[in-house]
Amino acid sequence: MHCWKILNLEHHYGTTRISILAVIVFLTTFSVSYVTLNLFHEEQFTDHLFWLFIIAVLALYPIHKCLHFLALFDLRQHLKLRVRVQFYFIPVLHMRIREPLSKNRYILALLTPFFVLNTIIVLGTLLLPAYTHYGTLLLAYHCSLCLIDILYVKYLYNSPKNAQIEETPKGYEILVPPTIN
């Protein structure tokens, strides 16, 4: 296999730019979803379950990472999990796979949390309209968490059809088979 491209979004975009993009995604998602969902419901909002909202905010990131893991569950013996601290106080769960994966399988693993959690949040918000404000905040927060995954999918989607993805310390390498002339 030959390396077609190395992807390292933190190097390519920079942490500051990614953070700004995440804030823009958060604000846009919150604004659009809040206005859209309030068009259908005119119910009075309540703050009775604020403690549950705080727990959901704290649990959303670990659940997001667990869904990545579940999408690759059959390869669990090749996965390595570790916790890294970013900005001196934010724990970041990092999952590393030690063998190349097919492009489609990797895209599926990246998009699984986006579709599963966003569907659950939207359905919960529709079923409990008194908590629309909490649901739209959770949806916006989760969409901003998914920004990195979606940026990786954007690059992987444009890679060759039979590519393999390998994670290295330099970033993700997109491997393609050698061409035979």
Protein backbone atom coordinates (compact mmCIF):
# COMPACT_ATOMS: atom_id res chain seq x y z
CA MET A 1 0.00 0.00 0.00
CA HIS A 2 1.15 3.52 -0.77
CA CYS A 3 0.32 6.64 1.19
CA TRP A 4 -2.00 8.79 -0.91
CA LYS A 5 -2.44 11.56 1.67
CA ILE A 6 -1.88 12.27 5.37
CA LEU A 7 -4.77 13.92 7.22
CA ASN A 8 -4.12 15.88 10.39
CA LEU A 9 -6.89 18.42 10.89
CA GLU A 10 -5.29 20.05 13.91
CA HIS A 11 -2.19 20.71 11.82
CA HIS A 12 -4.18 21.67 8.70
CA TYR A 13 -6.75 23.97 10.33
CA GLY A 14 -5.24 24.72 13.74
CA THR A 15 -6.94 24.36 17.11
CA THR A 16 -8.15 27.96 17.14
CA ARG A 17 -9.83 27.73 13.74
CA ILE A 18 -11.48 24.42 14.62
CA SER A 19 -12.76 25.96 17.88
CA ILE A 20 -14.18 28.96 16.01
CA LEU A 21 -15.84 26.65 13.46
CA ALA A 22 -17.32 24.60 16.33
CA VAL A 23 -18.78 27.76 17.91
CA ILE A 24 -20.25 28.80 14.54
CA VAL A 25 -21.78 25.31 14.11
CA PHE A 26 -23.17 25.48 17.65
CA LEU A 27 -24.78 28.90 17.17
CA THR A 28 -26.15 28.07 13.73
CA THR A 29 -27.58 24.71 14.79
CA PHE A 30 -29.11 26.14 17.94
CA SER A 31 -30.70 29.09 16.12
CA VAL A 32 -32.14 27.04 13.26
CA SER A 33 -33.38 24.16 15.42
CA TYR A 34 -34.82 26.39 18.14
CA VAL A 35 -36.79 28.51 15.68
CA THR A 36 -37.88 25.49 13.63
CA LEU A 37 -39.07 23.45 16.61
CA ASN A 38 -40.86 26.42 18.16
CA LEU A 39 -42.89 26.87 14.98
CA PHE A 40 -44.64 23.58 15.74
CA HIS A 41 -45.05 23.88 19.50
CA GLU A 42 -46.38 26.76 21.54
CA GLU A 43 -45.96 25.03 24.86
CA GLN A 44 -44.62 26.80 27.94
CA PHE A 45 -41.01 25.83 28.73
CA THR A 46 -40.08 24.38 32.10
CA ASP A 47 -36.82 24.06 34.01
CA HIS A 48 -37.91 21.24 36.32
CA LEU A 49 -35.30 18.80 34.98
CA PHE A 50 -32.30 21.13 34.80
CA TRP A 51 -30.18 18.62 36.72
CA LEU A 52 -30.90 16.01 34.03
CA PHE A 53 -29.85 18.49 31.35
CA ILE A 54 -26.49 19.04 33.12
CA ILE A 55 -25.96 15.27 33.33
CA ALA A 56 -26.82 14.94 29.62
CA VAL A 57 -24.32 17.67 28.71
CA LEU A 58 -21.58 15.95 30.71
CA ALA A 59 -22.46 12.49 29.35
CA LEU A 60 -22.81 13.47 25.69
CA TYR A 61 -19.08 13.40 24.85
CA PRO A 62 -18.37 9.99 26.45
CA ILE A 63 -21.49 8.54 24.80
CA HIS A 64 -20.33 10.00 21.47
CA LYS A 65 -16.96 8.25 21.86
CA CYS A 66 -18.64 4.98 22.92
CA LEU A 67 -20.70 5.01 19.72
CA HIS A 68 -17.48 5.32 17.70
CA PHE A 69 -16.23 2.30 19.64
CA LEU A 70 -19.45 0.32 19.09
CA ALA A 71 -19.25 0.93 15.35
CA LEU A 72 -15.85 -0.80 15.45
CA PHE A 73 -16.75 -3.36 18.13
CA ASP A 74 -15.66 -6.38 16.09
CA LEU A 75 -12.16 -4.82 15.92
CA ARG A 76 -11.95 -4.11 19.66
CA GLN A 77 -8.77 -6.13 20.07
CA HIS A 78 -7.05 -3.66 17.71
CA LEU A 79 -8.34 -0.53 19.51
CA LYS A 80 -6.36 1.43 22.06
CA LEU A 81 -8.14 3.92 24.32
CA ARG A 82 -6.42 6.72 26.23
CA VAL A 83 -7.28 10.00 27.91
CA ARG A 84 -5.44 13.17 26.95
CA VAL A 85 -5.80 16.55 28.67
CA GLN A 86 -6.25 19.56 26.40
CA PHE A 87 -6.09 23.21 27.50
CA TYR A 88 -4.81 22.00 30.91
CA PHE A 89 -8.23 20.85 32.18
CA ILE A 90 -10.39 19.30 29.43
CA PRO A 91 -10.12 15.49 29.30
CA VAL A 92 -10.22 14.21 25.72
CA LEU A 93 -10.84 10.52 25.03
CA HIS A 94 -8.68 9.29 22.20
CA MET A 95 -9.33 6.01 20.42
CA ARG A 96 -6.63 4.65 18.14
CA ILE A 97 -6.96 1.68 15.83
CA ARG A 98 -3.80 -0.29 15.19
CA GLU A 99 -4.65 -1.74 11.78
CA PRO A 100 -5.85 -0.22 8.50
CA LEU A 101 -9.61 0.04 7.92
CA SER A 102 -11.50 0.35 4.69
CA LYS A 103 -12.59 3.86 3.78
CA ASN A 104 -16.31 3.03 3.97
CA ARG A 105 -15.98 1.33 7.36
CA TYR A 106 -14.10 4.31 8.75
CA ILE A 107 -16.71 6.75 7.40
CA LEU A 108 -19.43 4.63 9.03
CA ALA A 109 -17.57 4.71 12.36
CA LEU A 110 -17.18 8.49 12.11
CA LEU A 111 -20.84 9.16 11.28
CA THR A 112 -22.48 6.68 13.68
CA PRO A 113 -22.61 9.06 16.69
CA PHE A 114 -23.88 11.92 14.52
CA PHE A 115 -26.88 10.01 13.23
CA VAL A 116 -27.70 8.01 16.38
CA LEU A 117 -27.43 10.77 18.99
CA ASN A 118 -28.93 13.54 16.86
CA THR A 119 -31.91 11.30 16.05
CA ILE A 120 -32.42 10.54 19.75
CA ILE A 121 -32.12 14.22 20.70
CA VAL A 122 -34.53 15.40 17.99
CA LEU A 123 -37.09 12.69 18.83
CA GLY A 124 -36.83 13.50 22.53
CA THR A 125 -37.32 17.18 21.79
CA LEU A 126 -40.37 16.47 19.64
CA LEU A 127 -41.89 14.16 22.25
CA LEU A 128 -41.23 16.56 25.16
CA PRO A 129 -41.94 20.05 23.78
CA ALA A 130 -41.72 21.66 27.24
CA TYR A 131 -37.98 20.90 27.10
CA THR A 132 -37.33 22.17 23.57
CA HIS A 133 -34.77 24.66 24.86
CA TYR A 134 -32.72 21.84 26.43
CA GLY A 135 -33.05 19.62 23.36
CA THR A 136 -31.89 22.32 20.97
CA LEU A 137 -28.92 23.13 23.20
CA LEU A 138 -27.96 19.44 23.33
CA LEU A 139 -28.39 19.14 19.55
CA ALA A 140 -26.19 22.19 18.93
CA TYR A 141 -23.55 20.96 21.38
CA HIS A 142 -23.47 17.53 19.78
CA CYS A 143 -23.26 18.94 16.25
CA SER A 144 -20.27 21.04 17.30
CA LEU A 145 -18.68 17.87 18.77
CA CYS A 146 -19.24 16.14 15.42
CA LEU A 147 -17.46 18.88 13.46
CA ILE A 148 -14.10 17.06 13.43
CA ASP A 149 -15.75 13.81 12.34
CA ILE A 150 -17.57 15.55 9.50
CA LEU A 151 -14.38 17.30 8.35
CA TYR A 152 -12.62 13.92 8.23
CA VAL A 153 -15.54 12.44 6.28
CA LYS A 154 -15.29 15.32 3.81
CA TYR A 155 -11.67 14.43 3.05
CA LEU A 156 -12.25 10.67 3.09
CA TYR A 157 -15.23 10.90 0.75
CA ASN A 158 -12.99 12.41 -1.95
CA SER A 159 -10.29 9.76 -1.52
CA PRO A 160 -9.93 6.79 -3.90
CA LYS A 161 -12.65 4.14 -3.76
CA ASN A 162 -10.48 1.25 -2.53
CA ALA A 163 -8.51 3.27 0.03
CA GLN A 164 -7.57 2.04 3.48
CA ILE A 165 -7.27 4.35 6.49
CA GLU A 166 -4.45 3.92 8.98
CA GLU A 167 -3.93 6.00 12.09
CA THR A 168 -0.35 7.06 12.83
CA PRO A 169 1.21 9.58 15.23
CA LYS A 170 1.38 12.06 12.30
CA GLY A 171 -2.35 11.77 11.61
CA TYR A 172 -4.52 9.57 9.43
CA GLU A 173 -2.87 8.09 6.37
CA ILE A 174 -5.00 7.27 3.36
CA LEU A 175 -3.42 4.20 1.79
CA VAL A 176 -4.07 3.02 -1.76
CA PRO A 177 -2.91 -0.19 -3.42
CA PRO A 178 -0.04 0.15 -5.87
CA THR A 179 -1.09 0.42 -9.48
CA ILE A 180 0.09 -2.35 -11.77
CA ASN A 181 1.02 -1.23 -15.27
